[in-house]
Amino acid sequence: MAVDPLNQSSCNQLVCVSYQIIHDDVSVCVLDMLRDSHNLLKWFQRQLEPYRNLVKVIDLTSSWRNGLALCSLIHLNRPDLLYDVLVHLLDLLVDSLIDSLN
């Protein structure tokens, strides 16, 4: 009688070992994501420290919804970009007001 090297018991062990490896990989991945998210949040908070009275970054979702944190980050690194945008928006507003008066 031939011995089946992959009998039910060894298959179950193989499935259990495979599951454990996958589970451990997923756990490590989730922990890495949490650590990376925490590090990113801390980096944003350090970068936006000069704007602490204006912007409070407490998480990576709701703190960014109104755009103020993003604009502050842009202003910190390239204030000229926001100046150009504001000038353009003011020009559009003035043109719109002039058109409405005519």
PDB file of N, CA and C in Angstrom:
ATOM      1  N   MET A   1       0.841  -1.171   0.000  1.00  0.00           N
ATOM      2  CA  MET A   1       0.000   0.000   0.000  1.00  0.00           C
ATOM      3  C   MET A   1       0.890   1.239   0.000  1.00  0.00           C
ATOM      4  N   ALA A   2       0.622   2.162  -0.946  1.00  0.00           N
ATOM      5  CA  ALA A   2       1.435   3.375  -1.058  1.00  0.00           C
ATOM      6  C   ALA A   2       1.016   4.381   0.006  1.00  0.00           C
ATOM      7  N   VAL A   3       2.012   5.091   0.511  1.00  0.00           N
ATOM      8  CA  VAL A   3       1.749   6.100   1.531  1.00  0.00           C
ATOM      9  C   VAL A   3       1.570   7.438   0.827  1.00  0.00           C
ATOM     10  N   ASP A   4       0.461   8.074   1.084  1.00  0.00           N
ATOM     11  CA  ASP A   4       0.187   9.388   0.494  1.00  0.00           C
ATOM     12  C   ASP A   4       0.944  10.446   1.295  1.00  0.00           C
ATOM     13  N   PRO A   5       1.953  11.112   0.661  1.00  0.00           N
ATOM     14  CA  PRO A   5       2.727  12.100   1.418  1.00  0.00           C
ATOM     15  C   PRO A   5       1.883  13.305   1.820  1.00  0.00           C
ATOM     16  N   LEU A   6       0.816  13.565   1.102  1.00  0.00           N
ATOM     17  CA  LEU A   6      -0.040  14.705   1.450  1.00  0.00           C
ATOM     18  C   LEU A   6      -1.376  14.193   1.968  1.00  0.00           C
ATOM     19  N   ASN A   7      -1.326  13.507   3.085  1.00  0.00           N
ATOM     20  CA  ASN A   7      -2.568  13.013   3.668  1.00  0.00           C
ATOM     21  C   ASN A   7      -3.354  14.178   4.280  1.00  0.00           C
ATOM     22  N   GLN A   8      -4.530  13.902   4.765  1.00  0.00           N
ATOM     23  CA  GLN A   8      -5.410  14.952   5.278  1.00  0.00           C
ATOM     24  C   GLN A   8      -4.753  15.739   6.407  1.00  0.00           C
ATOM     25  N   SER A   9      -4.048  15.072   7.274  1.00  0.00           N
ATOM     26  CA  SER A   9      -3.412  15.748   8.408  1.00  0.00           C
ATOM     27  C   SER A   9      -2.348  16.731   7.939  1.00  0.00           C
ATOM     28  N   SER A  10      -1.510  16.294   6.999  1.00  0.00           N
ATOM     29  CA  SER A  10      -0.458  17.200   6.529  1.00  0.00           C
ATOM     30  C   SER A  10      -1.045  18.344   5.715  1.00  0.00           C
ATOM     31  N   CYS A  11      -2.141  18.099   4.994  1.00  0.00           N
ATOM     32  CA  CYS A  11      -2.814  19.173   4.251  1.00  0.00           C
ATOM     33  C   CYS A  11      -3.371  20.210   5.224  1.00  0.00           C
ATOM     34  N   ASN A  12      -3.976  19.742   6.297  1.00  0.00           N
ATOM     35  CA  ASN A  12      -4.494  20.672   7.296  1.00  0.00           C
ATOM     36  C   ASN A  12      -3.373  21.498   7.913  1.00  0.00           C
ATOM     37  N   GLN A  13      -2.247  20.862   8.193  1.00  0.00           N
ATOM     38  CA  GLN A  13      -1.112  21.585   8.751  1.00  0.00           C
ATOM     39  C   GLN A  13      -0.596  22.611   7.744  1.00  0.00           C
ATOM     40  N   LEU A  14      -0.537  22.221   6.476  1.00  0.00           N
ATOM     41  CA  LEU A  14      -0.077  23.130   5.433  1.00  0.00           C
ATOM     42  C   LEU A  14      -1.002  24.338   5.323  1.00  0.00           C
ATOM     43  N   VAL A  15      -2.310  24.091   5.367  1.00  0.00           N
ATOM     44  CA  VAL A  15      -3.283  25.188   5.309  1.00  0.00           C
ATOM     45  C   VAL A  15      -3.118  26.096   6.521  1.00  0.00           C
ATOM     46  N   CYS A  16      -2.933  25.493   7.696  1.00  0.00           N
ATOM     47  CA  CYS A  16      -2.757  26.292   8.916  1.00  0.00           C
ATOM     48  C   CYS A  16      -1.486  27.134   8.848  1.00  0.00           C
ATOM     49  N   VAL A  17      -0.407  26.548   8.378  1.00  0.00           N
ATOM     50  CA  VAL A  17       0.863  27.280   8.262  1.00  0.00           C
ATOM     51  C   VAL A  17       0.720  28.393   7.230  1.00  0.00           C
ATOM     52  N   SER A  18       0.085  28.082   6.086  1.00  0.00           N
ATOM     53  CA  SER A  18      -0.124  29.096   5.041  1.00  0.00           C
ATOM     54  C   SER A  18      -0.971  30.239   5.573  1.00  0.00           C
ATOM     55  N   TYR A  19      -2.043  29.890   6.282  1.00  0.00           N
ATOM     56  CA  TYR A  19      -2.909  30.919   6.855  1.00  0.00           C
ATOM     57  C   TYR A  19      -2.123  31.792   7.825  1.00  0.00           C
ATOM     58  N   GLN A  20      -1.294  31.162   8.669  1.00  0.00           N
ATOM     59  CA  GLN A  20      -0.527  31.919   9.656  1.00  0.00           C
ATOM     60  C   GLN A  20       0.449  32.866   8.970  1.00  0.00           C
ATOM     61  N   ILE A  21       1.094  32.413   7.905  1.00  0.00           N
ATOM     62  CA  ILE A  21       2.033  33.267   7.177  1.00  0.00           C
ATOM     63  C   ILE A  21       1.294  34.453   6.564  1.00  0.00           C
ATOM     64  N   ILE A  22       0.155  34.165   5.909  1.00  0.00           N
ATOM     65  CA  ILE A  22      -0.622  35.249   5.302  1.00  0.00           C
ATOM     66  C   ILE A  22      -1.137  36.196   6.380  1.00  0.00           C
ATOM     67  N   HIS A  23      -1.659  35.638   7.460  1.00  0.00           N
ATOM     68  CA  HIS A  23      -2.177  36.454   8.564  1.00  0.00           C
ATOM     69  C   HIS A  23      -1.069  37.328   9.135  1.00  0.00           C
ATOM     70  N   ASP A  24       0.112  36.762   9.347  1.00  0.00           N
ATOM     71  CA  ASP A  24       1.234  37.530   9.879  1.00  0.00           C
ATOM     72  C   ASP A  24       1.644  38.633   8.909  1.00  0.00           C
ATOM     73  N   ASP A  25       1.663  38.329   7.594  1.00  0.00           N
ATOM     74  CA  ASP A  25       2.019  39.337   6.594  1.00  0.00           C
ATOM     75  C   ASP A  25       1.015  40.479   6.595  1.00  0.00           C
ATOM     76  N   VAL A  26      -0.272  40.126   6.691  1.00  0.00           N
ATOM     77  CA  VAL A  26      -1.308  41.159   6.727  1.00  0.00           C
ATOM     78  C   VAL A  26      -1.164  41.976   8.005  1.00  0.00           C
ATOM     79  N   SER A  27      -0.911  41.331   9.115  1.00  0.00           N
ATOM     80  CA  SER A  27      -0.738  42.042  10.385  1.00  0.00           C
ATOM     81  C   SER A  27       0.431  43.005  10.309  1.00  0.00           C
ATOM     82  N   VAL A  28       1.529  42.550   9.743  1.00  0.00           N
ATOM     83  CA  VAL A  28       2.713  43.406   9.602  1.00  0.00           C
ATOM     84  C   VAL A  28       2.392  44.575   8.683  1.00  0.00           C
ATOM     85  N   CYS A  29       1.671  44.300   7.605  1.00  0.00           N
ATOM     86  CA  CYS A  29       1.300  45.342   6.655  1.00  0.00           C
ATOM     87  C   CYS A  29       0.416  46.392   7.328  1.00  0.00           C
ATOM     88  N   VAL A  30      -0.565  45.948   8.109  1.00  0.00           N
ATOM     89  CA  VAL A  30      -1.454  46.876   8.808  1.00  0.00           C
ATOM     90  C   VAL A  30      -0.670  47.686   9.824  1.00  0.00           C
ATOM     91  N   LEU A  31       0.217  47.049  10.551  1.00  0.00           N
ATOM     92  CA  LEU A  31       1.039  47.778  11.523  1.00  0.00           C
ATOM     93  C   LEU A  31       1.934  48.790  10.830  1.00  0.00           C
ATOM     94  N   ASP A  32       2.508  48.420   9.684  1.00  0.00           N
ATOM     95  CA  ASP A  32       3.328  49.359   8.916  1.00  0.00           C
ATOM     96  C   ASP A  32       2.493  50.549   8.453  1.00  0.00           C
ATOM     97  N   MET A  33       1.275  50.267   7.991  1.00  0.00           N
ATOM     98  CA  MET A  33       0.397  51.356   7.544  1.00  0.00           C
ATOM     99  C   MET A  33       0.065  52.294   8.693  1.00  0.00           C
ATOM    100  N   LEU A  34      -0.239  51.739   9.854  1.00  0.00           N
ATOM    101  CA  LEU A  34      -0.555  52.568  11.012  1.00  0.00           C
ATOM    102  C   LEU A  34       0.648  53.405  11.423  1.00  0.00           C
ATOM    103  N   ARG A  35       1.820  52.796  11.423  1.00  0.00           N
ATOM    104  CA  ARG A  35       3.036  53.524  11.782  1.00  0.00           C
ATOM    105  C   ARG A  35       3.309  54.620  10.757  1.00  0.00           C
ATOM    106  N   ASP A  36       3.161  54.297   9.476  1.00  0.00           N
ATOM    107  CA  ASP A  36       3.391  55.287   8.425  1.00  0.00           C
ATOM    108  C   ASP A  36       2.383  56.430   8.514  1.00  0.00           C
ATOM    109  N   SER A  37       1.126  56.107   8.790  1.00  0.00           N
ATOM    110  CA  SER A  37       0.098  57.139   8.940  1.00  0.00           C
ATOM    111  C   SER A  37       0.417  58.042  10.121  1.00  0.00           C
ATOM    112  N   HIS A  38       0.830  57.442  11.219  1.00  0.00           N
ATOM    113  CA  HIS A  38       1.195  58.222  12.405  1.00  0.00           C
ATOM    114  C   HIS A  38       2.384  59.133  12.097  1.00  0.00           C
ATOM    115  N   ASN A  39       3.392  58.600  11.403  1.00  0.00           N
ATOM    116  CA  ASN A  39       4.559  59.405  11.045  1.00  0.00           C
ATOM    117  C   ASN A  39       4.192  60.536  10.097  1.00  0.00           C
ATOM    118  N   LEU A  40       3.303  60.267   9.144  1.00  0.00           N
ATOM    119  CA  LEU A  40       2.859  61.298   8.221  1.00  0.00           C
ATOM    120  C   LEU A  40       2.101  62.397   8.961  1.00  0.00           C
ATOM    121  N   LEU A  41       1.225  62.005   9.875  1.00  0.00           N
ATOM    122  CA  LEU A  41       0.485  62.974  10.671  1.00  0.00           C
ATOM    123  C   LEU A  41       1.438  63.849  11.473  1.00  0.00           C
ATOM    124  N   LYS A  42       2.427  63.229  12.109  1.00  0.00           N
ATOM    125  CA  LYS A  42       3.406  63.991  12.890  1.00  0.00           C
ATOM    126  C   LYS A  42       4.196  64.944  12.000  1.00  0.00           C
ATOM    127  N   TRP A  43       4.543  64.526  10.780  1.00  0.00           N
ATOM    128  CA  TRP A  43       5.272  65.381   9.848  1.00  0.00           C
ATOM    129  C   TRP A  43       4.425  66.595   9.475  1.00  0.00           C
ATOM    130  N   PHE A  44       3.137  66.361   9.154  1.00  0.00           N
ATOM    131  CA  PHE A  44       2.249  67.474   8.838  1.00  0.00           C
ATOM    132  C   PHE A  44       2.154  68.441  10.008  1.00  0.00           C
ATOM    133  N   GLN A  45       2.015  67.907  11.200  1.00  0.00           N
ATOM    134  CA  GLN A  45       1.896  68.766  12.382  1.00  0.00           C
ATOM    135  C   GLN A  45       3.152  69.608  12.585  1.00  0.00           C
ATOM    136  N   ARG A  46       4.320  69.009  12.365  1.00  0.00           N
ATOM    137  CA  ARG A  46       5.571  69.777  12.489  1.00  0.00           C
ATOM    138  C   ARG A  46       5.668  70.847  11.405  1.00  0.00           C
ATOM    139  N   GLN A  47       5.316  70.488  10.183  1.00  0.00           N
ATOM    140  CA  GLN A  47       5.397  71.438   9.077  1.00  0.00           C
ATOM    141  C   GLN A  47       4.455  72.626   9.285  1.00  0.00           C
ATOM    142  N   LEU A  48       3.278  72.348   9.811  1.00  0.00           N
ATOM    143  CA  LEU A  48       2.272  73.391   9.946  1.00  0.00           C
ATOM    144  C   LEU A  48       2.310  74.097  11.297  1.00  0.00           C
ATOM    145  N   GLU A  49       3.347  73.872  12.061  1.00  0.00           N
ATOM    146  CA  GLU A  49       3.508  74.526  13.364  1.00  0.00           C
ATOM    147  C   GLU A  49       3.428  76.064  13.254  1.00  0.00           C
ATOM    148  N   PRO A  50       4.032  76.686  12.222  1.00  0.00           N
ATOM    149  CA  PRO A  50       3.913  78.152  12.113  1.00  0.00           C
ATOM    150  C   PRO A  50       2.468  78.636  11.955  1.00  0.00           C
ATOM    151  N   TYR A  51       1.569  77.769  11.562  1.00  0.00           N
ATOM    152  CA  TYR A  51       0.170  78.121  11.352  1.00  0.00           C
ATOM    153  C   TYR A  51      -0.719  77.566  12.466  1.00  0.00           C
ATOM    154  N   ARG A  52      -0.131  77.242  13.613  1.00  0.00           N
ATOM    155  CA  ARG A  52      -0.857  76.544  14.681  1.00  0.00           C
ATOM    156  C   ARG A  52      -2.090  77.309  15.160  1.00  0.00           C
ATOM    157  N   ASN A  53      -2.099  78.638  15.062  1.00  0.00           N
ATOM    158  CA  ASN A  53      -3.275  79.402  15.489  1.00  0.00           C
ATOM    159  C   ASN A  53      -4.380  79.386  14.429  1.00  0.00           C
ATOM    160  N   LEU A  54      -4.030  78.980  13.233  1.00  0.00           N
ATOM    161  CA  LEU A  54      -4.978  78.974  12.123  1.00  0.00           C
ATOM    162  C   LEU A  54      -5.448  77.566  11.750  1.00  0.00           C
ATOM    163  N   VAL A  55      -4.518  76.611  11.823  1.00  0.00           N
ATOM    164  CA  VAL A  55      -4.781  75.251  11.352  1.00  0.00           C
ATOM    165  C   VAL A  55      -4.460  74.249  12.450  1.00  0.00           C
ATOM    166  N   LYS A  56      -5.392  73.349  12.701  1.00  0.00           N
ATOM    167  CA  LYS A  56      -5.137  72.259  13.657  1.00  0.00           C
ATOM    168  C   LYS A  56      -5.272  70.941  12.908  1.00  0.00           C
ATOM    169  N   VAL A  57      -4.158  70.268  12.721  1.00  0.00           N
ATOM    170  CA  VAL A  57      -4.168  68.967  12.053  1.00  0.00           C
ATOM    171  C   VAL A  57      -4.147  67.901  13.132  1.00  0.00           C
ATOM    172  N   ILE A  58      -5.299  67.243  13.314  1.00  0.00           N
ATOM    173  CA  ILE A  58      -5.403  66.223  14.359  1.00  0.00           C
ATOM    174  C   ILE A  58      -5.544  64.820  13.770  1.00  0.00           C
ATOM    175  N   ASP A  59      -5.829  64.755  12.460  1.00  0.00           N
ATOM    176  CA  ASP A  59      -5.945  63.452  11.799  1.00  0.00           C
ATOM    177  C   ASP A  59      -5.679  63.644  10.308  1.00  0.00           C
ATOM    178  N   LEU A  60      -5.779  62.557   9.562  1.00  0.00           N
ATOM    179  CA  LEU A  60      -5.494  62.628   8.127  1.00  0.00           C
ATOM    180  C   LEU A  60      -6.767  62.710   7.285  1.00  0.00           C
ATOM    181  N   THR A  61      -7.906  62.958   7.926  1.00  0.00           N
ATOM    182  CA  THR A  61      -9.157  63.050   7.162  1.00  0.00           C
ATOM    183  C   THR A  61      -9.842  64.388   7.394  1.00  0.00           C
ATOM    184  N   SER A  62     -10.488  64.550   8.528  1.00  0.00           N
ATOM    185  CA  SER A  62     -11.302  65.748   8.761  1.00  0.00           C
ATOM    186  C   SER A  62     -10.474  67.032   8.798  1.00  0.00           C
ATOM    187  N   SER A  63      -9.227  66.948   9.173  1.00  0.00           N
ATOM    188  CA  SER A  63      -8.381  68.143   9.241  1.00  0.00           C
ATOM    189  C   SER A  63      -8.096  68.732   7.864  1.00  0.00           C
ATOM    190  N   TRP A  64      -8.363  67.977   6.825  1.00  0.00           N
ATOM    191  CA  TRP A  64      -8.034  68.410   5.461  1.00  0.00           C
ATOM    192  C   TRP A  64      -9.278  68.770   4.656  1.00  0.00           C
ATOM    193  N   ARG A  65     -10.445  68.601   5.214  1.00  0.00           N
ATOM    194  CA  ARG A  65     -11.691  68.753   4.441  1.00  0.00           C
ATOM    195  C   ARG A  65     -11.915  70.161   3.908  1.00  0.00           C
ATOM    196  N   ASN A  66     -11.606  71.185   4.708  1.00  0.00           N
ATOM    197  CA  ASN A  66     -11.902  72.543   4.255  1.00  0.00           C
ATOM    198  C   ASN A  66     -10.790  73.149   3.397  1.00  0.00           C
ATOM    199  N   GLY A  67      -9.675  72.444   3.235  1.00  0.00           N
ATOM    200  CA  GLY A  67      -8.607  72.916   2.361  1.00  0.00           C
ATOM    201  C   GLY A  67      -7.606  73.844   3.022  1.00  0.00           C
ATOM    202  N   LEU A  68      -7.880  74.279   4.244  1.00  0.00           N
ATOM    203  CA  LEU A  68      -7.001  75.234   4.910  1.00  0.00           C
ATOM    204  C   LEU A  68      -5.625  74.633   5.213  1.00  0.00           C
ATOM    205  N   ALA A  69      -5.584  73.380   5.628  1.00  0.00           N
ATOM    206  CA  ALA A  69      -4.298  72.735   5.918  1.00  0.00           C
ATOM    207  C   ALA A  69      -3.473  72.604   4.645  1.00  0.00           C
ATOM    208  N   LEU A  70      -4.124  72.221   3.552  1.00  0.00           N
ATOM    209  CA  LEU A  70      -3.415  72.092   2.283  1.00  0.00           C
ATOM    210  C   LEU A  70      -2.900  73.444   1.815  1.00  0.00           C
ATOM    211  N   CYS A  71      -3.734  74.469   1.878  1.00  0.00           N
ATOM    212  CA  CYS A  71      -3.286  75.806   1.480  1.00  0.00           C
ATOM    213  C   CYS A  71      -2.134  76.289   2.363  1.00  0.00           C
ATOM    214  N   SER A  72      -2.192  75.973   3.643  1.00  0.00           N
ATOM    215  CA  SER A  72      -1.113  76.367   4.553  1.00  0.00           C
ATOM    216  C   SER A  72       0.181  75.655   4.203  1.00  0.00           C
ATOM    217  N   LEU A  73       0.079  74.399   3.865  1.00  0.00           N
ATOM    218  CA  LEU A  73       1.265  73.638   3.475  1.00  0.00           C
ATOM    219  C   LEU A  73       1.857  74.188   2.176  1.00  0.00           C
ATOM    220  N   ILE A  74       0.994  74.524   1.229  1.00  0.00           N
ATOM    221  CA  ILE A  74       1.474  75.132  -0.018  1.00  0.00           C
ATOM    222  C   ILE A  74       2.098  76.487   0.275  1.00  0.00           C
ATOM    223  N   HIS A  75       1.423  77.296   1.084  1.00  0.00           N
ATOM    224  CA  HIS A  75       1.932  78.634   1.404  1.00  0.00           C
ATOM    225  C   HIS A  75       3.283  78.565   2.102  1.00  0.00           C
ATOM    226  N   LEU A  76       3.457  77.575   2.932  1.00  0.00           N
ATOM    227  CA  LEU A  76       4.724  77.410   3.640  1.00  0.00           C
ATOM    228  C   LEU A  76       5.881  77.193   2.670  1.00  0.00           C
ATOM    229  N   ASN A  77       5.632  76.452   1.614  1.00  0.00           N
ATOM    230  CA  ASN A  77       6.694  76.093   0.679  1.00  0.00           C
ATOM    231  C   ASN A  77       6.743  76.962  -0.564  1.00  0.00           C
ATOM    232  N   ARG A  78       5.600  77.410  -1.041  1.00  0.00           N
ATOM    233  CA  ARG A  78       5.542  78.231  -2.262  1.00  0.00           C
ATOM    234  C   ARG A  78       4.454  79.290  -2.135  1.00  0.00           C
ATOM    235  N   PRO A  79       4.673  80.314  -1.320  1.00  0.00           N
ATOM    236  CA  PRO A  79       3.634  81.332  -1.129  1.00  0.00           C
ATOM    237  C   PRO A  79       3.255  82.040  -2.428  1.00  0.00           C
ATOM    238  N   ASP A  80       4.171  82.081  -3.372  1.00  0.00           N
ATOM    239  CA  ASP A  80       3.883  82.733  -4.651  1.00  0.00           C
ATOM    240  C   ASP A  80       2.752  82.047  -5.406  1.00  0.00           C
ATOM    241  N   LEU A  81       2.621  80.739  -5.236  1.00  0.00           N
ATOM    242  CA  LEU A  81       1.558  80.019  -5.933  1.00  0.00           C
ATOM    243  C   LEU A  81       0.182  80.473  -5.464  1.00  0.00           C
ATOM    244  N   LEU A  82       0.020  80.622  -4.166  1.00  0.00           N
ATOM    245  CA  LEU A  82      -1.276  81.048  -3.641  1.00  0.00           C
ATOM    246  C   LEU A  82      -1.539  82.506  -3.975  1.00  0.00           C
ATOM    247  N   TYR A  83      -0.513  83.307  -4.004  1.00  0.00           N
ATOM    248  CA  TYR A  83      -0.679  84.717  -4.365  1.00  0.00           C
ATOM    249  C   TYR A  83      -1.233  84.825  -5.780  1.00  0.00           C
ATOM    250  N   ASP A  84      -0.659  84.077  -6.701  1.00  0.00           N
ATOM    251  CA  ASP A  84      -1.125  84.097  -8.089  1.00  0.00           C
ATOM    252  C   ASP A  84      -2.580  83.642  -8.199  1.00  0.00           C
ATOM    253  N   VAL A  85      -2.933  82.624  -7.451  1.00  0.00           N
ATOM    254  CA  VAL A  85      -4.313  82.127  -7.470  1.00  0.00           C
ATOM    255  C   VAL A  85      -5.263  83.179  -6.913  1.00  0.00           C
ATOM    256  N   LEU A  86      -4.878  83.809  -5.802  1.00  0.00           N
ATOM    257  CA  LEU A  86      -5.735  84.836  -5.209  1.00  0.00           C
ATOM    258  C   LEU A  86      -5.905  86.027  -6.140  1.00  0.00           C
ATOM    259  N   VAL A  87      -4.836  86.451  -6.786  1.00  0.00           N
ATOM    260  CA  VAL A  87      -4.931  87.561  -7.734  1.00  0.00           C
ATOM    261  C   VAL A  87      -5.886  87.195  -8.873  1.00  0.00           C
ATOM    262  N   HIS A  88      -5.762  85.989  -9.383  1.00  0.00           N
ATOM    263  CA  HIS A  88      -6.640  85.548 -10.460  1.00  0.00           C
ATOM    264  C   HIS A  88      -8.102  85.511  -9.998  1.00  0.00           C
ATOM    265  N   LEU A  89      -8.348  84.980  -8.797  1.00  0.00           N
ATOM    266  CA  LEU A  89      -9.714  84.929  -8.276  1.00  0.00           C
ATOM    267  C   LEU A  89     -10.283  86.330  -8.058  1.00  0.00           C
ATOM    268  N   LEU A  90      -9.459  87.245  -7.567  1.00  0.00           N
ATOM    269  CA  LEU A  90      -9.926  88.622  -7.381  1.00  0.00           C
ATOM    270  C   LEU A  90     -10.235  89.275  -8.723  1.00  0.00           C
ATOM    271  N   ASP A  91      -9.415  89.024  -9.735  1.00  0.00           N
ATOM    272  CA  ASP A  91      -9.697  89.548 -11.080  1.00  0.00           C
ATOM    273  C   ASP A  91     -11.040  89.030 -11.589  1.00  0.00           C
ATOM    274  N   LEU A  92     -11.283  87.741 -11.397  1.00  0.00           N
ATOM    275  CA  LEU A  92     -12.564  87.173 -11.829  1.00  0.00           C
ATOM    276  C   LEU A  92     -13.734  87.794 -11.072  1.00  0.00           C
ATOM    277  N   LEU A  93     -13.543  88.011  -9.779  1.00  0.00           N
ATOM    278  CA  LEU A  93     -14.593  88.611  -8.964  1.00  0.00           C
ATOM    279  C   LEU A  93     -14.886  90.031  -9.422  1.00  0.00           C
ATOM    280  N   VAL A  94     -13.847  90.811  -9.661  1.00  0.00           N
ATOM    281  CA  VAL A  94     -14.018  92.192 -10.126  1.00  0.00           C
ATOM    282  C   VAL A  94     -14.717  92.198 -11.481  1.00  0.00           C
ATOM    283  N   ASP A  95     -14.287  91.330 -12.396  1.00  0.00           N
ATOM    284  CA  ASP A  95     -14.927  91.252 -13.714  1.00  0.00           C
ATOM    285  C   ASP A  95     -16.401  90.886 -13.579  1.00  0.00           C
ATOM    286  N   SER A  96     -16.696  89.966 -12.697  1.00  0.00           N
ATOM    287  CA  SER A  96     -18.078  89.549 -12.483  1.00  0.00           C
ATOM    288  C   SER A  96     -18.915  90.701 -11.925  1.00  0.00           C
ATOM    289  N   LEU A  97     -18.351  91.444 -10.980  1.00  0.00           N
ATOM    290  CA  LEU A  97     -19.072  92.587 -10.411  1.00  0.00           C
ATOM    291  C   LEU A  97     -19.303  93.660 -11.457  1.00  0.00           C
ATOM    292  N   ILE A  98     -18.310  93.924 -12.283  1.00  0.00           N
ATOM    293  CA  ILE A  98     -18.458  94.923 -13.339  1.00  0.00           C
ATOM    294  C   ILE A  98     -19.529  94.489 -14.332  1.00  0.00           C
ATOM    295  N   ASP A  99     -19.523  93.221 -14.702  1.00  0.00           N
ATOM    296  CA  ASP A  99     -20.535  92.704 -15.620  1.00  0.00           C
ATOM    297  C   ASP A  99     -21.934  92.808 -15.041  1.00  0.00           C
ATOM    298  N   SER A 100     -22.068  92.575 -13.736  1.00  0.00           N
ATOM    299  CA  SER A 100     -23.394  92.637 -13.117  1.00  0.00           C
ATOM    300  C   SER A 100     -23.893  94.080 -13.014  1.00  0.00           C
ATOM    301  N   LEU A 101     -22.987  95.038 -12.981  1.00  0.00           N
ATOM    302  CA  LEU A 101     -23.405  96.450 -12.921  1.00  0.00           C
ATOM    303  C   LEU A 101     -23.814  96.977 -14.284  1.00  0.00           C
ATOM    304  N   ASN A 102     -23.324  96.364 -15.338  1.00  0.00           N
ATOM    305  CA  ASN A 102     -23.661  96.839 -16.693  1.00  0.00           C
ATOM    306  C   ASN A 102     -24.967  96.351 -17.160  1.00  0.00           C
TER     307      ASN A 102
END
